[in-house]
Amino acid sequence: MHLRRNTIFITRLPKGSANEVAQAIYAPDPSPSKSKLVPFIKRLSFKHSTDIRHNFAVFDHSRTNFVNMSQPPQAPPGSYDPAQAIALTSASKANTKMPHLIETMDYMIQLLQANSVSFALMGGLAMAVLGSNRNTHDVDLAVGCNMEKLKQIATANHHRIRRPAGPMSGVYRLFVKVGREGDPICPVLWTQVDLILQGSLGAPDDPQSVSQTISFTVGSVQKHYPVLNLSYMMASKLAAHSGRGETADMNDILFLIQKYAQQLYEVRVQLNQRHRQAFINALIQKTSNSGIIKKAKFTLGVV
């Protein structure tokens, strides 16, 4: 604890009750203002639990104002903390256009191939490649490696990648810098990339072995991307829908059923029965269109 004009800066608060903390703060300099400080500490204790040893705090004598100044350590270079994650996700969701996604995908293909990592496209961009017109704001890739390998790759390319500062489970979320200053079509943006490890959201152990190369045209340029085959694509979508119940997942499943009904019917027994049933139950609640429900039931093998 040290003094600066009328302000006492406390670098660490000891464990204990509000009164004990106040006693500790004012031990070197007893003051009648202590009684006014206690309610502020109580509120801090209620919000951050009784153990507030790791909270930074400041008490201004002139206003008898106690303010929480909790400041977690800064994230390592090239990484993002939880607060930064919110800002990056929000900006990516609001501003990502197809040119950002294509440039991000091209960069990730080059990066993963250079590091001998098996991968395949899944999620909303995969739906777009297959012909769906729904909007998406990120790139989802199934990857055939562990989290530590992804961290090493991201760290080595910190000039264009922001990686999570803390531990992740199942999905390793990156933000990749793409675009150019002043470009009205593809301005600079940190675009979200979700690298999905085996077992998460229906991702396979070896994505490359269960992928198919899909060609599609962007402007005047033809692209060739590895996309999870229909069986795994549908499995991942059913798993995602079962886990979070989002409308986007339901629409993706309906798109696949409408466009690839025969192929999906042939692999229906490979799909999780509980996920299939959950989807049909949700679809019945969502629509009264008997034709859509009947086709979905038949394609997925649900009675």
Protein backbone atom coordinates (compact mmCIF):
# COMPACT_ATOMS: atom_id res chain seq x y z
CA MET A 1 0.00 0.00 0.00
CA HIS A 2 1.29 3.45 -0.84
CA LEU A 3 0.01 7.03 -0.90
CA ARG A 4 -0.51 9.35 -3.84
CA ARG A 5 -2.14 12.66 -2.87
CA ASN A 6 -5.57 11.79 -1.43
CA THR A 7 -5.68 8.28 -2.81
CA ILE A 8 -4.59 5.02 -1.22
CA PHE A 9 -3.77 2.35 -3.79
CA ILE A 10 -4.06 -1.17 -2.43
CA THR A 11 -2.20 -3.66 -4.60
CA ARG A 12 -3.72 -6.70 -2.86
CA LEU A 13 -6.50 -7.22 -0.37
CA PRO A 14 -6.17 -9.91 2.33
CA LYS A 15 -8.74 -12.63 2.84
CA GLY A 16 -11.34 -12.05 5.49
CA SER A 17 -14.56 -10.32 6.39
CA ALA A 18 -15.34 -6.77 5.31
CA ASN A 19 -14.37 -5.39 8.72
CA GLU A 20 -11.10 -7.35 8.74
CA VAL A 21 -10.24 -6.02 5.30
CA ALA A 22 -10.99 -2.49 6.40
CA GLN A 23 -8.81 -3.00 9.49
CA ALA A 24 -5.99 -4.26 7.29
CA ILE A 25 -6.29 -1.28 4.97
CA TYR A 26 -6.23 1.26 7.77
CA ALA A 27 -3.84 -0.53 10.14
CA PRO A 28 -0.99 1.87 9.32
CA ASP A 29 -3.28 4.90 9.44
CA PRO A 30 -6.46 4.50 11.54
CA SER A 31 -9.16 6.84 10.33
CA PRO A 32 -12.82 7.62 11.11
CA SER A 33 -13.52 7.11 7.39
CA LYS A 34 -13.09 3.37 7.96
CA SER A 35 -16.77 3.00 8.84
CA LYS A 36 -17.71 4.51 5.50
CA LEU A 37 -15.39 2.14 3.68
CA VAL A 38 -16.93 -1.05 5.09
CA PRO A 39 -20.18 -0.94 3.01
CA PHE A 40 -18.15 -0.62 -0.19
CA ILE A 41 -16.04 -3.62 0.75
CA LYS A 42 -19.15 -5.61 1.59
CA ARG A 43 -20.52 -4.94 -1.86
CA LEU A 44 -17.22 -5.98 -3.40
CA SER A 45 -17.21 -9.13 -1.26
CA PHE A 46 -20.76 -9.98 -2.31
CA LYS A 47 -19.91 -9.57 -5.98
CA HIS A 48 -16.55 -11.28 -6.03
CA SER A 49 -16.97 -13.74 -3.11
CA THR A 50 -15.53 -13.34 0.36
CA ASP A 51 -12.05 -14.18 -0.82
CA ILE A 52 -11.04 -10.92 -2.51
CA ARG A 53 -7.31 -11.26 -2.14
CA HIS A 54 -6.78 -10.98 -5.88
CA ASN A 55 -8.83 -7.84 -6.46
CA PHE A 56 -7.17 -4.51 -6.96
CA ALA A 57 -8.85 -1.58 -5.27
CA VAL A 58 -8.63 2.14 -4.76
CA PHE A 59 -10.07 4.31 -2.01
CA ASP A 60 -10.34 8.05 -2.52
CA HIS A 61 -10.40 9.94 0.82
CA SER A 62 -11.77 13.11 -0.71
CA ARG A 63 -14.95 11.36 -1.92
CA THR A 64 -15.00 8.30 0.38
CA ASN A 65 -15.41 6.25 -2.79
CA PHE A 66 -14.26 2.63 -3.00
CA VAL A 67 -13.98 1.27 -6.54
CA ASN A 68 -13.11 -2.21 -7.76
CA MET A 69 -10.10 -2.01 -10.06
CA SER A 70 -9.69 -5.74 -10.79
CA GLN A 71 -7.16 -6.01 -13.59
CA PRO A 72 -6.22 -9.47 -14.87
CA PRO A 73 -2.73 -9.78 -16.34
CA GLN A 74 -2.41 -8.76 -19.97
CA ALA A 75 -2.74 -11.51 -22.57
CA PRO A 76 0.52 -12.66 -24.21
CA PRO A 77 1.36 -11.10 -27.60
CA GLY A 78 -0.75 -12.54 -30.40
CA SER A 79 -3.48 -13.75 -28.01
CA TYR A 80 -6.81 -12.44 -26.77
CA ASP A 81 -8.42 -12.41 -23.34
CA PRO A 82 -12.17 -12.92 -22.64
CA ALA A 83 -13.00 -9.22 -22.97
CA GLN A 84 -11.13 -8.98 -26.27
CA ALA A 85 -12.86 -12.15 -27.46
CA ILE A 86 -16.24 -10.45 -27.10
CA ALA A 87 -15.08 -7.45 -29.15
CA LEU A 88 -13.44 -9.58 -31.84
CA THR A 89 -16.46 -11.88 -32.15
CA SER A 90 -18.87 -8.96 -32.36
CA ALA A 91 -16.82 -7.18 -35.04
CA SER A 92 -16.41 -10.37 -37.07
CA LYS A 93 -20.10 -11.20 -36.90
CA ALA A 94 -21.13 -7.68 -37.91
CA ASN A 95 -18.63 -7.06 -40.71
CA THR A 96 -17.56 -10.36 -42.30
CA LYS A 97 -18.49 -10.73 -45.97
CA MET A 98 -17.85 -13.56 -48.41
CA PRO A 99 -14.53 -12.05 -49.64
CA HIS A 100 -13.25 -12.15 -46.03
CA LEU A 101 -14.28 -15.79 -45.69
CA ILE A 102 -12.65 -16.82 -48.96
CA GLU A 103 -9.38 -15.05 -48.13
CA THR A 104 -9.44 -16.58 -44.63
CA MET A 105 -10.11 -20.06 -46.02
CA ASP A 106 -7.28 -19.74 -48.55
CA TYR A 107 -4.89 -18.65 -45.80
CA MET A 108 -5.93 -21.49 -43.48
CA ILE A 109 -5.51 -24.08 -46.25
CA GLN A 110 -1.97 -22.88 -46.86
CA LEU A 111 -1.18 -22.79 -43.14
CA LEU A 112 -2.58 -26.22 -42.26
CA GLN A 113 -1.06 -27.92 -45.28
CA ALA A 114 2.35 -26.41 -44.43
CA ASN A 115 2.06 -27.96 -40.97
CA SER A 116 0.78 -31.36 -42.19
CA VAL A 117 -2.61 -31.02 -40.46
CA SER A 118 -5.56 -32.92 -41.93
CA PHE A 119 -8.64 -30.71 -42.28
CA ALA A 120 -12.04 -30.33 -43.96
CA LEU A 121 -14.56 -27.54 -44.18
CA MET A 122 -17.79 -27.78 -42.20
CA GLY A 123 -20.38 -25.34 -40.87
CA GLY A 124 -21.97 -22.37 -42.63
CA LEU A 125 -19.26 -21.83 -45.24
CA ALA A 126 -19.46 -25.50 -46.19
CA MET A 127 -23.20 -25.01 -46.69
CA ALA A 128 -22.47 -22.06 -48.98
CA VAL A 129 -20.00 -24.14 -50.99
CA LEU A 130 -22.70 -26.81 -51.38
CA GLY A 131 -25.17 -24.23 -52.68
CA SER A 132 -27.00 -22.83 -49.64
CA ASN A 133 -27.63 -19.09 -49.62
CA ARG A 134 -27.71 -18.56 -45.86
CA ASN A 135 -25.36 -15.97 -44.38
CA THR A 136 -22.38 -16.99 -42.30
CA HIS A 137 -19.69 -14.96 -40.56
CA ASP A 138 -16.98 -17.52 -39.74
CA VAL A 139 -14.95 -20.44 -41.04
CA ASP A 140 -15.46 -23.84 -39.37
CA LEU A 141 -12.76 -26.45 -39.99
CA ALA A 142 -12.57 -30.00 -38.66
CA VAL A 143 -8.90 -30.67 -37.90
CA GLY A 144 -6.98 -33.88 -37.29
CA CYS A 145 -4.56 -32.80 -34.58
CA ASN A 146 -4.52 -31.89 -30.89
CA MET A 147 -4.94 -28.52 -29.18
CA GLU A 148 -1.23 -28.11 -28.46
CA LYS A 149 -0.38 -28.42 -32.16
CA LEU A 150 -2.92 -25.72 -33.01
CA LYS A 151 -1.49 -23.45 -30.33
CA GLN A 152 2.03 -23.88 -31.73
CA ILE A 153 0.86 -23.04 -35.25
CA ALA A 154 -1.07 -19.98 -34.09
CA THR A 155 1.79 -18.73 -31.93
CA ALA A 156 4.26 -19.03 -34.79
CA ASN A 157 1.97 -16.91 -36.99
CA HIS A 158 0.99 -14.27 -34.43
CA HIS A 159 1.43 -11.47 -36.99
CA ARG A 160 -1.85 -12.56 -38.63
CA ILE A 161 -3.52 -14.69 -35.97
CA ARG A 162 -5.04 -13.97 -32.57
CA ARG A 163 -5.29 -17.08 -30.40
CA PRO A 164 -7.01 -17.64 -27.02
CA ALA A 165 -4.85 -16.73 -24.03
CA GLY A 166 -6.47 -19.38 -21.84
CA PRO A 167 -7.26 -23.09 -22.26
CA MET A 168 -9.93 -24.23 -24.71
CA SER A 169 -11.86 -27.48 -25.03
CA GLY A 170 -13.08 -29.07 -28.24
CA VAL A 171 -13.02 -25.93 -30.37
CA TYR A 172 -9.96 -23.70 -30.81
CA ARG A 173 -11.16 -20.23 -31.87
CA LEU A 174 -8.79 -18.00 -33.80
CA PHE A 175 -9.16 -14.62 -35.46
CA VAL A 176 -7.28 -14.21 -38.74
CA LYS A 177 -6.39 -10.81 -40.15
CA VAL A 178 -7.49 -10.48 -43.78
CA GLY A 179 -8.37 -7.66 -46.17
CA ARG A 180 -6.62 -4.44 -47.12
CA GLU A 181 -6.79 -0.85 -45.92
CA GLY A 182 -9.08 1.23 -48.11
CA ASP A 183 -10.46 -1.78 -49.98
CA PRO A 184 -14.26 -1.28 -50.23
CA ILE A 185 -14.83 -4.95 -51.10
CA CYS A 186 -12.59 -6.55 -48.48
CA PRO A 187 -11.47 -4.04 -45.82
CA VAL A 188 -9.15 -5.16 -43.01
CA LEU A 189 -10.91 -7.43 -40.53
CA TRP A 190 -10.08 -10.08 -37.92
CA THR A 191 -12.23 -12.96 -39.18
CA GLN A 192 -13.35 -15.74 -36.85
CA VAL A 193 -12.08 -19.28 -37.44
CA ASP A 194 -13.26 -22.25 -35.36
CA LEU A 195 -10.92 -25.23 -35.50
CA ILE A 196 -12.96 -28.23 -34.35
CA LEU A 197 -11.19 -31.21 -32.83
CA GLN A 198 -12.29 -34.82 -33.18
CA GLY A 199 -15.47 -35.69 -31.33
CA SER A 200 -16.69 -32.10 -31.04
CA LEU A 201 -19.82 -31.17 -33.02
CA GLY A 202 -19.55 -34.38 -35.00
CA ALA A 203 -15.99 -33.80 -36.25
CA PRO A 204 -14.21 -37.01 -37.40
CA ASP A 205 -10.82 -38.33 -36.30
CA ASP A 206 -9.27 -37.86 -39.73
CA PRO A 207 -11.18 -35.17 -41.68
CA GLN A 208 -9.27 -35.71 -44.90
CA SER A 209 -10.34 -39.35 -45.18
CA VAL A 210 -14.04 -38.44 -45.00
CA SER A 211 -14.01 -35.32 -47.15
CA GLN A 212 -14.82 -34.57 -50.75
CA THR A 213 -13.40 -31.79 -52.90
CA ILE A 214 -16.10 -29.34 -53.96
CA SER A 215 -15.53 -26.83 -56.75
CA PHE A 216 -17.40 -23.55 -56.81
CA THR A 217 -17.00 -20.14 -58.41
CA VAL A 218 -16.34 -16.89 -56.56
CA GLY A 219 -16.61 -14.01 -58.98
CA SER A 220 -14.52 -15.18 -61.92
CA VAL A 221 -12.30 -17.47 -59.85
CA GLN A 222 -12.94 -21.17 -59.28
CA LYS A 223 -12.12 -22.56 -55.84
CA HIS A 224 -11.63 -26.16 -54.75
CA TYR A 225 -12.23 -26.83 -51.05
CA PRO A 226 -12.24 -30.09 -49.05
CA VAL A 227 -15.67 -30.43 -47.45
CA LEU A 228 -16.87 -33.14 -45.07
CA ASN A 229 -18.83 -35.77 -46.96
CA LEU A 230 -22.62 -35.80 -46.62
CA SER A 231 -22.68 -38.43 -43.90
CA TYR A 232 -20.35 -36.49 -41.60
CA MET A 233 -21.81 -33.13 -42.61
CA MET A 234 -25.28 -34.27 -41.62
CA ALA A 235 -23.95 -35.93 -38.46
CA SER A 236 -22.23 -32.70 -37.42
CA LYS A 237 -25.34 -30.63 -38.14
CA LEU A 238 -27.61 -33.00 -36.21
CA ALA A 239 -25.17 -32.97 -33.28
CA ALA A 240 -25.00 -29.17 -33.33
CA HIS A 241 -28.78 -28.88 -33.50
CA SER A 242 -29.22 -31.36 -30.66
CA GLY A 243 -26.75 -29.43 -28.52
CA ARG A 244 -27.85 -25.84 -29.11
CA GLY A 245 -31.13 -25.95 -31.07
CA GLU A 246 -30.33 -22.97 -33.30
CA THR A 247 -32.54 -22.09 -36.26
CA ALA A 248 -29.49 -21.92 -38.54
CA ASP A 249 -28.70 -25.58 -37.82
CA MET A 250 -32.29 -26.62 -38.56
CA ASN A 251 -32.24 -24.70 -41.85
CA ASP A 252 -28.94 -26.32 -42.83
CA ILE A 253 -30.37 -29.79 -42.16
CA LEU A 254 -33.49 -29.00 -44.20
CA PHE A 255 -31.30 -27.70 -47.04
CA LEU A 256 -29.31 -30.96 -47.08
CA ILE A 257 -32.52 -33.03 -47.00
CA GLN A 258 -34.03 -31.06 -49.89
CA LYS A 259 -30.90 -31.23 -52.08
CA TYR A 260 -29.39 -34.60 -51.15
CA ALA A 261 -32.36 -36.69 -50.00
CA GLN A 262 -31.37 -39.90 -51.80
CA GLN A 263 -27.72 -39.82 -50.70
CA LEU A 264 -28.73 -39.13 -47.09
CA TYR A 265 -31.34 -41.87 -47.12
CA GLU A 266 -28.62 -44.36 -48.05
CA VAL A 267 -26.47 -43.39 -45.03
CA ARG A 268 -29.28 -42.72 -42.52
CA VAL A 269 -28.35 -45.68 -40.30
CA GLN A 270 -24.89 -44.14 -39.79
CA LEU A 271 -26.46 -41.07 -38.16
CA ASN A 272 -27.12 -40.85 -34.43
CA GLN A 273 -30.67 -42.07 -33.82
CA ARG A 274 -31.25 -39.80 -30.82
CA HIS A 275 -30.12 -36.74 -32.80
CA ARG A 276 -32.38 -37.70 -35.73
CA GLN A 277 -35.38 -38.08 -33.44
CA ALA A 278 -34.65 -34.81 -31.64
CA PHE A 279 -34.53 -32.98 -34.96
CA ILE A 280 -37.87 -34.42 -36.12
CA ASN A 281 -39.46 -33.51 -32.78
CA ALA A 282 -38.19 -29.93 -33.13
CA LEU A 283 -39.32 -29.75 -36.76
CA ILE A 284 -42.86 -30.81 -35.81
CA GLN A 285 -42.92 -28.01 -33.24
CA LYS A 286 -41.55 -25.53 -35.80
CA THR A 287 -43.79 -26.15 -38.83
CA SER A 288 -47.17 -27.56 -39.75
CA ASN A 289 -46.05 -28.34 -43.30
CA SER A 290 -46.78 -32.05 -43.48
CA GLY A 291 -44.83 -32.44 -46.73
CA ILE A 292 -41.58 -31.17 -45.21
CA ILE A 293 -42.07 -33.29 -42.09
CA LYS A 294 -42.85 -36.43 -44.11
CA LYS A 295 -39.79 -36.00 -46.33
CA ALA A 296 -37.52 -35.36 -43.35
CA LYS A 297 -38.83 -38.44 -41.53
CA PHE A 298 -38.36 -40.65 -44.59
CA THR A 299 -34.87 -39.33 -45.40
CA LEU A 300 -33.64 -39.71 -41.82
CA GLY A 301 -35.40 -43.00 -41.19
CA VAL A 302 -37.58 -41.75 -38.33
CA VAL A 303 -41.10 -43.16 -37.96
